[in-house]
Protein backbone atom coordinates (compact mmCIF):
# COMPACT_ATOMS: atom_id res chain seq x y z
CA MET A 1 132.09 206.44 101.14
CA SER A 2 132.43 202.82 100.47
CA THR A 3 129.10 200.44 100.22
CA LYS A 4 130.28 198.16 102.88
CA ILE A 5 130.51 201.06 104.77
CA GLN A 6 127.48 202.57 104.22
CA PHE A 7 125.69 198.99 104.47
CA ILE A 8 126.61 198.69 108.65
CA LYS A 9 125.42 202.28 108.80
CA ASP A 10 122.12 201.66 106.85
CA MET A 11 121.69 198.55 109.12
CA GLU A 12 122.78 200.29 112.36
CA ALA A 13 120.14 202.97 111.42
CA ALA A 14 117.32 200.17 111.20
CA ALA A 15 118.12 198.83 114.46
CA PHE A 16 118.37 202.28 115.84
CA SER A 17 114.71 203.21 114.64
CA GLU A 18 113.48 200.31 115.46
CA ASN A 19 112.78 198.83 112.16
CA TRP A 20 112.81 195.32 112.63
CA GLU A 21 112.00 194.06 109.08
CA LYS A 22 114.34 196.70 107.76
CA PHE A 23 117.00 195.52 110.21
CA LYS A 24 116.33 190.97 109.11
CA THR A 25 116.96 192.25 105.60
CA PHE A 26 120.64 193.28 105.97
CA PHE A 27 121.97 189.56 107.52
CA THR A 28 120.66 185.96 106.59
CA ASN A 29 119.06 183.51 109.00
CA ASP A 30 122.32 181.60 109.33
CA MET A 31 123.75 184.40 111.11
CA TYR A 32 125.95 184.13 114.49
CA TYR A 33 125.89 187.51 116.48
CA PHE A 34 128.18 188.01 119.32
CA VAL A 35 127.79 190.77 122.32
CA GLY A 36 130.93 191.00 124.11
CA ASN A 37 131.88 187.89 125.65
CA LYS A 38 128.81 186.68 127.26
CA THR A 39 126.17 186.19 124.54
CA GLU A 40 126.02 184.51 121.61
CA LEU A 41 122.87 184.23 118.99
CA HIS A 42 122.01 182.26 116.02
CA SER A 43 118.77 183.51 114.00
CA LEU A 44 118.17 186.34 112.66
CA GLN A 45 115.18 186.04 115.34
CA ALA A 46 116.76 185.89 117.91
CA ILE A 47 119.09 189.09 117.42
CA VAL A 48 115.93 191.10 117.10
CA ASP A 49 114.25 189.79 120.32
CA TYR A 50 117.34 190.49 122.67
CA LEU A 51 117.73 194.24 120.83
CA ILE A 52 114.04 194.55 121.67
CA GLN A 53 114.65 193.19 125.88
CA PHE A 54 118.16 195.12 125.95
CA ARG A 55 116.47 198.41 124.40
CA SER A 56 113.51 198.35 126.69
CA LYS A 57 115.32 197.22 129.71
CA GLU A 58 119.31 198.26 129.34
CA LEU A 59 119.80 201.11 127.41
CA THR A 60 117.62 203.99 126.00
CA ILE A 61 119.63 204.59 122.94
CA ASP A 62 120.09 208.17 121.94
CA ASN A 63 122.19 208.72 119.42
CA LEU A 64 125.19 207.02 117.59
CA GLU A 65 127.78 208.54 115.11
CA PHE A 66 130.25 206.60 113.53
CA LEU A 67 133.86 207.58 114.43
CA LEU A 68 135.85 205.16 112.72
CA ALA A 69 135.36 202.53 109.99
CA TYR A 70 137.96 199.88 108.40
CA GLU A 71 137.57 197.59 105.32
CA ASP A 72 139.42 195.01 103.61
CA GLU A 73 137.80 192.63 101.33
CA LYS A 74 135.91 190.49 103.50
CA THR A 75 135.88 192.51 107.02
CA VAL A 76 133.90 196.43 108.01
CA VAL A 77 135.11 197.13 111.38
CA THR A 78 134.11 200.47 113.24
CA GLU A 79 133.83 202.38 115.67
CA LEU A 80 130.82 203.94 117.10
CA SER A 81 129.94 206.91 120.28
CA VAL A 82 127.01 205.96 121.87
CA LYS A 83 124.93 207.84 123.80
CA ALA A 84 122.20 206.25 126.21
CA MET A 85 119.88 206.24 129.00
CA ARG A 86 120.79 203.45 130.93
CA LYS A 87 117.72 201.92 132.68
CA ALA A 88 118.92 200.58 135.85
CA ASP A 89 119.64 203.97 137.37
CA ASN A 90 118.68 206.78 134.66
CA LYS A 91 121.91 207.64 134.12
CA HIS A 92 123.04 209.19 130.68
CA ILE A 93 126.67 207.32 128.90
CA ILE A 94 128.35 207.82 127.02
CA TYR A 95 130.69 204.60 125.11
CA ALA A 96 132.22 203.85 122.76
CA SER A 97 130.80 200.37 120.62
CA THR A 98 133.01 198.71 118.10
CA HIS A 99 131.35 196.59 115.06
CA LEU A 100 133.31 193.84 113.57
CA ALA A 101 131.18 192.37 110.21
CA ALA A 102 132.92 189.66 108.81
CA GLU A 103 131.93 188.21 105.42
CA ALA A 104 127.87 190.55 106.41
CA CYS A 105 128.14 192.33 103.30
CA PRO A 106 126.70 191.11 99.83
CA THR A 107 129.85 191.90 97.51
CA ASP A 108 127.09 194.21 95.50
CA PRO A 109 124.38 195.29 97.48
CA ASP A 110 122.28 196.60 95.28
């Protein structure tokens, strides 16, 4: 497995376990974070605050499974299967989530 893909897996694991201090170490403070076509965030703390709110009010994520991964020199794309409980109706759902990280991974993560 490439170090870039492992980097993304480690970042996702930090978010999934709500280890926000570790999660922050994967990014620079001047990053942009887009969720679908409705949410755009511009700082590490804004991203953490958004994810905390999302997990407390929208979804309880039970499992993340990496299905596919692609990378080139500057980009990593992953597709995950997300198993969660939607808080609005307590319904268990499964959905695909695609993540694109461009210029987000260091050349040498060590």
